[in-house]
N, C-alpha and C. Protein backbone atom coordinates (compact mmCIF):
# COMPACT_ATOMS: atom_id res chain seq x y z
N MET A 1 17.30 -10.08 14.73
CA MET A 1 18.45 -9.68 13.95
C MET A 1 18.50 -8.17 13.91
N LEU A 2 19.65 -7.61 14.18
CA LEU A 2 19.85 -6.16 14.13
C LEU A 2 20.54 -5.80 12.82
N ILE A 3 19.99 -4.83 12.12
CA ILE A 3 20.54 -4.36 10.86
C ILE A 3 21.01 -2.92 11.06
N LYS A 4 22.23 -2.64 10.62
CA LYS A 4 22.76 -1.28 10.66
C LYS A 4 23.32 -0.93 9.29
N ALA A 5 22.99 0.25 8.81
CA ALA A 5 23.51 0.71 7.52
C ALA A 5 23.84 2.20 7.64
N LEU A 6 25.05 2.54 7.28
CA LEU A 6 25.52 3.92 7.29
C LEU A 6 25.93 4.27 5.86
N HIS A 7 25.24 5.27 5.27
CA HIS A 7 25.53 5.64 3.88
C HIS A 7 25.78 7.15 3.79
N GLN A 8 26.59 7.52 2.83
CA GLN A 8 26.89 8.93 2.59
C GLN A 8 26.45 9.31 1.19
N TYR A 9 25.80 10.46 1.09
CA TYR A 9 25.40 11.03 -0.19
C TYR A 9 26.18 12.31 -0.42
N ASP A 10 26.43 12.64 -1.69
CA ASP A 10 27.17 13.86 -2.02
C ASP A 10 26.30 15.11 -1.87
N GLN A 11 24.99 14.93 -1.77
CA GLN A 11 24.07 16.05 -1.66
C GLN A 11 23.81 16.39 -0.19
N ASP A 12 23.20 17.56 0.03
CA ASP A 12 22.90 17.97 1.41
C ASP A 12 21.66 17.26 1.95
N VAL A 13 21.42 17.43 3.23
CA VAL A 13 20.34 16.72 3.91
C VAL A 13 18.96 17.10 3.36
N GLU A 14 18.77 18.36 2.96
CA GLU A 14 17.46 18.78 2.44
C GLU A 14 17.13 18.08 1.13
N THR A 15 18.13 17.85 0.29
CA THR A 15 17.91 17.14 -0.98
C THR A 15 17.47 15.71 -0.71
N ILE A 16 18.17 15.03 0.17
CA ILE A 16 17.85 13.63 0.47
C ILE A 16 16.51 13.54 1.19
N PHE A 17 16.28 14.41 2.16
CA PHE A 17 15.00 14.40 2.87
C PHE A 17 13.85 14.68 1.91
N GLY A 18 14.06 15.56 0.95
CA GLY A 18 13.03 15.85 -0.05
C GLY A 18 12.60 14.62 -0.82
N LEU A 19 13.54 13.74 -1.13
CA LEU A 19 13.20 12.49 -1.83
C LEU A 19 12.39 11.56 -0.93
N CYS A 20 12.67 11.60 0.36
CA CYS A 20 12.01 10.69 1.31
C CYS A 20 10.51 10.91 1.43
N HIS A 21 10.04 12.10 1.08
CA HIS A 21 8.60 12.37 1.16
C HIS A 21 8.03 12.85 -0.17
N ASN A 22 8.63 12.38 -1.26
CA ASN A 22 8.15 12.69 -2.60
C ASN A 22 7.47 11.44 -3.18
N PRO A 23 6.14 11.43 -3.28
CA PRO A 23 5.43 10.23 -3.75
C PRO A 23 5.86 9.77 -5.14
N ASP A 24 6.13 10.71 -6.04
CA ASP A 24 6.56 10.32 -7.39
C ASP A 24 7.90 9.61 -7.34
N PHE A 25 8.81 10.11 -6.52
CA PHE A 25 10.11 9.45 -6.39
C PHE A 25 9.97 8.08 -5.73
N MET A 26 9.09 7.97 -4.74
CA MET A 26 8.88 6.67 -4.09
C MET A 26 8.46 5.63 -5.11
N MET A 27 7.51 5.99 -5.97
CA MET A 27 7.05 5.06 -7.01
C MET A 27 8.21 4.67 -7.92
N GLU A 28 8.96 5.66 -8.36
CA GLU A 28 10.10 5.41 -9.25
C GLU A 28 11.15 4.52 -8.57
N LYS A 29 11.45 4.81 -7.31
CA LYS A 29 12.46 4.04 -6.58
C LYS A 29 12.03 2.59 -6.41
N TYR A 30 10.83 2.37 -5.93
CA TYR A 30 10.39 1.00 -5.67
C TYR A 30 10.26 0.20 -6.96
N LEU A 31 9.78 0.83 -8.04
CA LEU A 31 9.77 0.14 -9.33
C LEU A 31 11.19 -0.19 -9.76
N GLY A 32 12.09 0.77 -9.57
CA GLY A 32 13.48 0.61 -9.98
C GLY A 32 14.24 -0.47 -9.22
N VAL A 33 13.79 -0.80 -8.03
CA VAL A 33 14.48 -1.84 -7.25
C VAL A 33 13.74 -3.18 -7.31
N GLY A 34 12.73 -3.27 -8.18
CA GLY A 34 12.10 -4.56 -8.43
C GLY A 34 10.77 -4.83 -7.76
N ALA A 35 10.19 -3.85 -7.10
CA ALA A 35 8.87 -4.05 -6.47
C ALA A 35 7.77 -3.92 -7.53
N ARG A 36 6.58 -4.38 -7.16
CA ARG A 36 5.42 -4.23 -8.05
C ARG A 36 4.19 -3.90 -7.21
N ASN A 37 3.12 -3.51 -7.89
CA ASN A 37 1.86 -3.15 -7.23
C ASN A 37 2.08 -2.16 -6.09
N ILE A 38 2.75 -1.09 -6.40
CA ILE A 38 3.13 -0.08 -5.41
C ILE A 38 2.00 0.92 -5.22
N GLU A 39 1.67 1.19 -3.96
CA GLU A 39 0.65 2.18 -3.62
C GLU A 39 1.19 3.08 -2.52
N VAL A 40 1.20 4.37 -2.76
CA VAL A 40 1.52 5.32 -1.70
C VAL A 40 0.20 5.57 -0.98
N LEU A 41 0.03 4.96 0.18
CA LEU A 41 -1.22 5.04 0.93
C LEU A 41 -1.35 6.36 1.68
N GLU A 42 -0.21 6.89 2.09
CA GLU A 42 -0.22 8.15 2.84
C GLU A 42 1.12 8.85 2.64
N CYS A 43 1.05 10.14 2.40
CA CYS A 43 2.25 10.98 2.34
C CYS A 43 1.77 12.39 2.66
N ALA A 44 1.77 12.70 3.95
CA ALA A 44 1.20 13.96 4.39
C ALA A 44 2.12 14.61 5.41
N GLY A 45 2.11 15.93 5.40
CA GLY A 45 2.88 16.67 6.39
C GLY A 45 3.44 17.94 5.80
N SER A 46 4.23 18.62 6.62
CA SER A 46 4.90 19.85 6.19
C SER A 46 5.90 20.24 7.26
N GLU A 47 6.79 21.15 6.89
CA GLU A 47 7.76 21.73 7.83
C GLU A 47 8.50 20.67 8.64
N GLY A 48 9.02 19.65 7.94
CA GLY A 48 9.85 18.67 8.61
C GLY A 48 9.13 17.55 9.33
N ARG A 49 7.81 17.50 9.25
CA ARG A 49 7.04 16.42 9.87
C ARG A 49 6.20 15.75 8.80
N TYR A 50 6.49 14.48 8.56
CA TYR A 50 5.77 13.74 7.52
C TYR A 50 5.39 12.36 8.02
N HIS A 51 4.22 11.90 7.57
CA HIS A 51 3.74 10.54 7.83
C HIS A 51 3.62 9.88 6.46
N ILE A 52 4.32 8.77 6.30
CA ILE A 52 4.38 8.10 5.01
C ILE A 52 4.01 6.63 5.20
N LYS A 53 3.21 6.12 4.28
CA LYS A 53 2.87 4.70 4.31
C LYS A 53 2.82 4.22 2.86
N VAL A 54 3.62 3.21 2.57
CA VAL A 54 3.71 2.67 1.21
C VAL A 54 3.50 1.16 1.25
N LYS A 55 2.61 0.69 0.39
CA LYS A 55 2.34 -0.74 0.25
C LYS A 55 2.95 -1.19 -1.07
N ARG A 56 3.59 -2.36 -1.06
CA ARG A 56 4.18 -2.88 -2.28
C ARG A 56 4.41 -4.38 -2.16
N GLU A 57 4.59 -5.01 -3.30
CA GLU A 57 4.97 -6.42 -3.33
C GLU A 57 6.45 -6.48 -3.67
N VAL A 58 7.17 -7.32 -2.93
CA VAL A 58 8.61 -7.46 -3.15
C VAL A 58 8.95 -8.93 -3.38
N PRO A 59 9.93 -9.17 -4.25
CA PRO A 59 10.32 -10.55 -4.51
C PRO A 59 11.24 -11.10 -3.43
N ALA A 60 11.23 -12.41 -3.27
CA ALA A 60 12.14 -13.06 -2.32
C ALA A 60 12.49 -14.45 -2.86
N GLU A 61 13.74 -14.81 -2.75
CA GLU A 61 14.18 -16.16 -3.09
C GLU A 61 14.14 -16.98 -1.81
N VAL A 62 13.00 -17.59 -1.57
CA VAL A 62 12.71 -18.23 -0.29
C VAL A 62 13.29 -19.65 -0.24
N PRO A 63 14.08 -19.94 0.79
CA PRO A 63 14.57 -21.31 0.95
C PRO A 63 13.43 -22.26 1.32
N ALA A 64 13.58 -23.52 0.97
CA ALA A 64 12.52 -24.51 1.19
C ALA A 64 12.03 -24.54 2.63
N LEU A 65 12.93 -24.39 3.56
CA LEU A 65 12.59 -24.44 4.99
C LEU A 65 11.57 -23.37 5.39
N LEU A 66 11.55 -22.24 4.67
CA LEU A 66 10.70 -21.10 5.06
C LEU A 66 9.50 -20.88 4.15
N LYS A 67 9.27 -21.78 3.18
CA LYS A 67 8.17 -21.59 2.22
C LYS A 67 6.79 -21.63 2.87
N LYS A 68 6.70 -22.16 4.08
CA LYS A 68 5.43 -22.15 4.80
C LYS A 68 5.06 -20.73 5.22
N PHE A 69 6.08 -19.86 5.38
CA PHE A 69 5.87 -18.51 5.90
C PHE A 69 5.96 -17.42 4.82
N LEU A 70 6.75 -17.67 3.79
CA LEU A 70 7.02 -16.65 2.78
C LEU A 70 6.69 -17.17 1.39
N ASN A 71 6.36 -16.25 0.50
CA ASN A 71 6.07 -16.57 -0.89
C ASN A 71 7.14 -15.96 -1.79
N PRO A 72 7.14 -16.33 -3.07
CA PRO A 72 8.09 -15.69 -3.99
C PRO A 72 7.86 -14.17 -4.09
N TRP A 73 6.60 -13.71 -3.89
CA TRP A 73 6.26 -12.29 -3.82
C TRP A 73 5.49 -12.07 -2.51
N ASN A 74 5.92 -11.08 -1.73
CA ASN A 74 5.29 -10.80 -0.44
C ASN A 74 4.86 -9.34 -0.39
N THR A 75 3.66 -9.13 0.17
CA THR A 75 3.14 -7.77 0.30
C THR A 75 3.60 -7.19 1.62
N LEU A 76 4.17 -6.00 1.54
CA LEU A 76 4.57 -5.33 2.77
C LEU A 76 4.06 -3.91 2.79
N VAL A 77 3.86 -3.42 4.01
CA VAL A 77 3.46 -2.03 4.23
C VAL A 77 4.54 -1.40 5.10
N GLN A 78 5.14 -0.34 4.58
CA GLN A 78 6.19 0.37 5.31
C GLN A 78 5.65 1.71 5.76
N SER A 79 5.72 1.94 7.08
CA SER A 79 5.25 3.21 7.66
C SER A 79 6.45 3.98 8.18
N GLU A 80 6.46 5.27 7.92
CA GLU A 80 7.55 6.14 8.37
C GLU A 80 6.97 7.39 9.01
N GLN A 81 7.53 7.78 10.14
CA GLN A 81 7.16 9.01 10.83
C GLN A 81 8.42 9.88 10.90
N TRP A 82 8.47 10.91 10.08
CA TRP A 82 9.63 11.78 10.00
C TRP A 82 9.41 13.06 10.79
N GLU A 83 10.48 13.56 11.41
CA GLU A 83 10.43 14.91 11.97
C GLU A 83 11.84 15.46 12.14
N GLY A 84 11.91 16.78 12.08
CA GLY A 84 13.19 17.45 12.26
C GLY A 84 13.10 18.89 11.79
N PRO A 85 14.00 19.73 12.28
CA PRO A 85 14.01 21.14 11.88
C PRO A 85 14.61 21.30 10.48
N ALA A 86 14.28 22.41 9.83
CA ALA A 86 14.87 22.70 8.52
C ALA A 86 16.40 22.63 8.64
N GLY A 87 17.02 21.95 7.72
CA GLY A 87 18.47 21.78 7.75
C GLY A 87 18.91 20.54 8.50
N GLY A 88 17.93 19.85 9.11
CA GLY A 88 18.23 18.59 9.81
C GLY A 88 18.85 18.81 11.17
N PRO A 89 19.13 17.76 11.85
CA PRO A 89 18.93 16.38 11.41
C PRO A 89 17.45 16.00 11.41
N TYR A 90 17.13 15.03 10.56
CA TYR A 90 15.78 14.48 10.48
C TYR A 90 15.80 13.07 11.06
N HIS A 91 14.80 12.77 11.86
CA HIS A 91 14.69 11.46 12.50
C HIS A 91 13.42 10.78 12.02
N CYS A 92 13.50 9.47 11.82
CA CYS A 92 12.38 8.70 11.30
C CYS A 92 12.21 7.43 12.11
N LYS A 93 10.97 7.15 12.48
CA LYS A 93 10.62 5.86 13.07
C LYS A 93 10.03 5.02 11.95
N ILE A 94 10.56 3.82 11.79
CA ILE A 94 10.16 2.94 10.69
C ILE A 94 9.50 1.68 11.24
N ARG A 95 8.44 1.27 10.57
CA ARG A 95 7.80 0.00 10.91
C ARG A 95 7.42 -0.67 9.59
N VAL A 96 7.76 -1.94 9.46
CA VAL A 96 7.43 -2.70 8.25
C VAL A 96 6.62 -3.92 8.65
N GLU A 97 5.48 -4.10 8.00
CA GLU A 97 4.64 -5.26 8.22
C GLU A 97 4.59 -6.06 6.94
N ILE A 98 4.86 -7.37 7.04
CA ILE A 98 4.80 -8.25 5.88
C ILE A 98 3.54 -9.10 6.04
N SER A 99 2.63 -8.98 5.08
CA SER A 99 1.34 -9.65 5.17
C SER A 99 1.49 -11.15 5.35
N GLY A 100 0.90 -11.66 6.44
CA GLY A 100 0.90 -13.09 6.70
C GLY A 100 2.20 -13.67 7.23
N VAL A 101 3.18 -12.82 7.51
CA VAL A 101 4.49 -13.29 7.98
C VAL A 101 4.66 -12.87 9.44
N PRO A 102 4.91 -13.82 10.33
CA PRO A 102 4.98 -13.51 11.76
C PRO A 102 6.32 -12.92 12.23
N VAL A 103 6.70 -11.82 11.60
CA VAL A 103 7.91 -11.11 12.03
C VAL A 103 7.53 -9.66 12.30
N SER A 104 8.32 -9.01 13.15
CA SER A 104 8.17 -7.57 13.34
C SER A 104 9.48 -6.91 12.91
N ILE A 105 9.32 -5.81 12.19
CA ILE A 105 10.48 -5.03 11.74
C ILE A 105 10.23 -3.60 12.18
N GLU A 106 11.09 -3.12 13.06
CA GLU A 106 10.97 -1.74 13.54
C GLU A 106 12.36 -1.15 13.68
N GLY A 107 12.43 0.17 13.55
CA GLY A 107 13.72 0.81 13.72
C GLY A 107 13.65 2.30 13.50
N GLU A 108 14.83 2.85 13.27
CA GLU A 108 14.97 4.30 13.11
C GLU A 108 15.94 4.62 11.99
N MET A 109 15.77 5.81 11.46
CA MET A 109 16.68 6.33 10.46
C MET A 109 16.97 7.78 10.81
N GLU A 110 18.18 8.20 10.58
CA GLU A 110 18.55 9.59 10.79
C GLU A 110 19.24 10.10 9.54
N LEU A 111 18.86 11.31 9.11
CA LEU A 111 19.55 12.01 8.04
C LEU A 111 20.18 13.26 8.65
N ARG A 112 21.49 13.43 8.42
CA ARG A 112 22.17 14.61 8.97
C ARG A 112 23.24 15.10 8.00
N ASN A 113 23.51 16.40 8.06
CA ASN A 113 24.58 16.98 7.27
C ASN A 113 25.93 16.61 7.87
N GLN A 114 26.88 16.41 6.99
CA GLN A 114 28.26 16.23 7.42
C GLN A 114 29.11 16.88 6.34
N SER A 115 29.76 17.99 6.69
CA SER A 115 30.49 18.80 5.71
C SER A 115 29.54 19.16 4.59
N ASN A 116 29.86 18.82 3.34
CA ASN A 116 29.00 19.15 2.20
C ASN A 116 28.21 17.95 1.73
N SER A 117 27.93 17.02 2.63
CA SER A 117 27.23 15.80 2.25
C SER A 117 26.16 15.46 3.29
N CYS A 118 25.46 14.37 3.04
CA CYS A 118 24.41 13.90 3.95
C CYS A 118 24.74 12.47 4.36
N ILE A 119 24.59 12.21 5.64
CA ILE A 119 24.79 10.87 6.18
C ILE A 119 23.41 10.29 6.51
N SER A 120 23.21 9.06 6.08
CA SER A 120 21.99 8.31 6.39
C SER A 120 22.39 7.16 7.31
N ASN A 121 21.77 7.12 8.47
CA ASN A 121 22.07 6.07 9.45
C ASN A 121 20.77 5.31 9.73
N VAL A 122 20.72 4.04 9.33
CA VAL A 122 19.53 3.21 9.49
C VAL A 122 19.83 2.08 10.47
N GLN A 123 18.90 1.86 11.40
CA GLN A 123 19.00 0.73 12.31
C GLN A 123 17.61 0.09 12.40
N LEU A 124 17.55 -1.20 12.07
CA LEU A 124 16.29 -1.94 12.12
C LEU A 124 16.50 -3.19 12.95
N GLU A 125 15.44 -3.61 13.63
CA GLU A 125 15.47 -4.87 14.35
C GLU A 125 14.35 -5.75 13.81
N VAL A 126 14.73 -6.98 13.46
CA VAL A 126 13.78 -7.95 12.95
C VAL A 126 13.62 -9.05 14.00
N LYS A 127 12.37 -9.29 14.41
CA LYS A 127 12.10 -10.29 15.44
C LYS A 127 11.00 -11.23 14.98
N CYS A 128 11.07 -12.47 15.51
CA CYS A 128 10.02 -13.45 15.27
C CYS A 128 9.89 -14.28 16.54
N GLY A 129 8.65 -14.42 17.04
CA GLY A 129 8.42 -15.11 18.30
C GLY A 129 8.14 -16.60 18.18
N ILE A 130 8.24 -17.15 16.97
CA ILE A 130 7.97 -18.58 16.79
C ILE A 130 9.16 -19.39 17.33
N PRO A 131 8.91 -20.37 18.17
CA PRO A 131 10.01 -21.21 18.68
C PRO A 131 10.70 -21.97 17.55
N LEU A 132 11.96 -22.23 17.73
CA LEU A 132 12.81 -23.00 16.82
C LEU A 132 13.03 -22.34 15.47
N ILE A 133 12.04 -22.32 14.61
CA ILE A 133 12.21 -21.80 13.25
C ILE A 133 12.21 -20.27 13.20
N GLY A 134 11.72 -19.62 14.26
CA GLY A 134 11.60 -18.17 14.28
C GLY A 134 12.90 -17.43 14.03
N SER A 135 13.99 -17.92 14.59
CA SER A 135 15.27 -17.23 14.40
C SER A 135 15.73 -17.34 12.94
N LYS A 136 15.45 -18.47 12.30
CA LYS A 136 15.80 -18.64 10.87
C LYS A 136 14.97 -17.68 10.01
N LEU A 137 13.69 -17.56 10.34
CA LEU A 137 12.81 -16.66 9.60
C LEU A 137 13.25 -15.21 9.78
N ALA A 138 13.54 -14.81 11.01
CA ALA A 138 13.99 -13.44 11.28
C ALA A 138 15.32 -13.17 10.58
N ASP A 139 16.23 -14.13 10.58
CA ASP A 139 17.52 -13.95 9.91
C ASP A 139 17.34 -13.80 8.40
N PHE A 140 16.45 -14.61 7.81
CA PHE A 140 16.22 -14.51 6.37
C PHE A 140 15.61 -13.16 6.01
N VAL A 141 14.56 -12.77 6.74
CA VAL A 141 13.90 -11.49 6.47
C VAL A 141 14.87 -10.34 6.70
N GLY A 142 15.67 -10.43 7.76
CA GLY A 142 16.67 -9.40 8.05
C GLY A 142 17.71 -9.28 6.96
N SER A 143 18.21 -10.41 6.48
CA SER A 143 19.20 -10.39 5.39
C SER A 143 18.61 -9.79 4.13
N ASP A 144 17.35 -10.12 3.85
CA ASP A 144 16.66 -9.58 2.69
C ASP A 144 16.48 -8.06 2.84
N ALA A 145 16.13 -7.63 4.05
CA ALA A 145 15.97 -6.19 4.31
C ALA A 145 17.30 -5.46 4.17
N GLU A 146 18.35 -6.06 4.65
CA GLU A 146 19.69 -5.46 4.55
C GLU A 146 20.08 -5.29 3.08
N ARG A 147 19.81 -6.31 2.27
CA ARG A 147 20.09 -6.24 0.84
C ARG A 147 19.24 -5.14 0.19
N ALA A 148 17.97 -5.03 0.57
CA ALA A 148 17.08 -4.02 0.00
C ALA A 148 17.55 -2.61 0.34
N ILE A 149 18.03 -2.41 1.56
CA ILE A 149 18.55 -1.09 1.96
C ILE A 149 19.71 -0.69 1.06
N GLN A 150 20.61 -1.62 0.79
CA GLN A 150 21.77 -1.34 -0.07
C GLN A 150 21.34 -1.04 -1.50
N ILE A 151 20.39 -1.81 -2.02
CA ILE A 151 19.91 -1.60 -3.39
C ILE A 151 19.22 -0.24 -3.50
N GLU A 152 18.43 0.14 -2.49
CA GLU A 152 17.77 1.45 -2.51
C GLU A 152 18.79 2.58 -2.45
N TYR A 153 19.83 2.42 -1.64
CA TYR A 153 20.90 3.42 -1.56
C TYR A 153 21.54 3.62 -2.93
N GLU A 154 21.88 2.52 -3.60
CA GLU A 154 22.50 2.62 -4.92
C GLU A 154 21.55 3.25 -5.93
N PHE A 155 20.25 2.93 -5.84
CA PHE A 155 19.28 3.54 -6.75
C PHE A 155 19.25 5.06 -6.54
N ILE A 156 19.19 5.50 -5.28
CA ILE A 156 19.13 6.93 -4.98
C ILE A 156 20.39 7.64 -5.49
N ARG A 157 21.55 7.06 -5.24
CA ARG A 157 22.81 7.67 -5.73
C ARG A 157 22.79 7.80 -7.25
N ASN A 158 22.37 6.75 -7.95
CA ASN A 158 22.32 6.80 -9.41
C ASN A 158 21.31 7.85 -9.90
N HIS A 159 20.18 7.92 -9.23
CA HIS A 159 19.15 8.91 -9.58
C HIS A 159 19.71 10.32 -9.43
N LEU A 160 20.39 10.59 -8.34
CA LEU A 160 20.95 11.92 -8.08
C LEU A 160 22.09 12.25 -9.04
N ALA A 161 22.84 11.25 -9.44
CA ALA A 161 23.95 11.48 -10.38
C ALA A 161 23.42 11.92 -11.75
N LYS A 162 22.21 11.47 -12.10
CA LYS A 162 21.61 11.84 -13.38
C LYS A 162 20.97 13.22 -13.33
N ALA A 163 20.65 13.70 -12.14
CA ALA A 163 19.92 14.98 -12.00
C ALA A 163 20.80 16.17 -12.31
């Protein structure tokens, strides 16, 4: 399943990129969108190059057909490799691993200035190699990821509106 999300923020690219590698904000964001047991395992870098790894538990309303593969709470580790010059654009390679779930989630994100705003362009691919049921599992995980991307976008916008 291919996921695409294009979002616009009223702030510039440096403001949005700053949130992407701020461990305190990551904790606040993931708590705010319903995750638990959040650990920032890695957040290192400088001058537009950052390596980020966050582990967290996320809820899922799992259909009966997929309960063999997924739980009501699933542990995932999200790894991000960011790079870009000051002022952007910034490019990120994303990889998400869900503990005990036979799917792969990989993709890219780009942050770029557009006029007086920032555009976030996310593309993820969710795959599962299990015959027959694999496409259902990938579709479910992909739909859940798509929903999570939208919820995180709304959280970030609300956070920035309060600042």
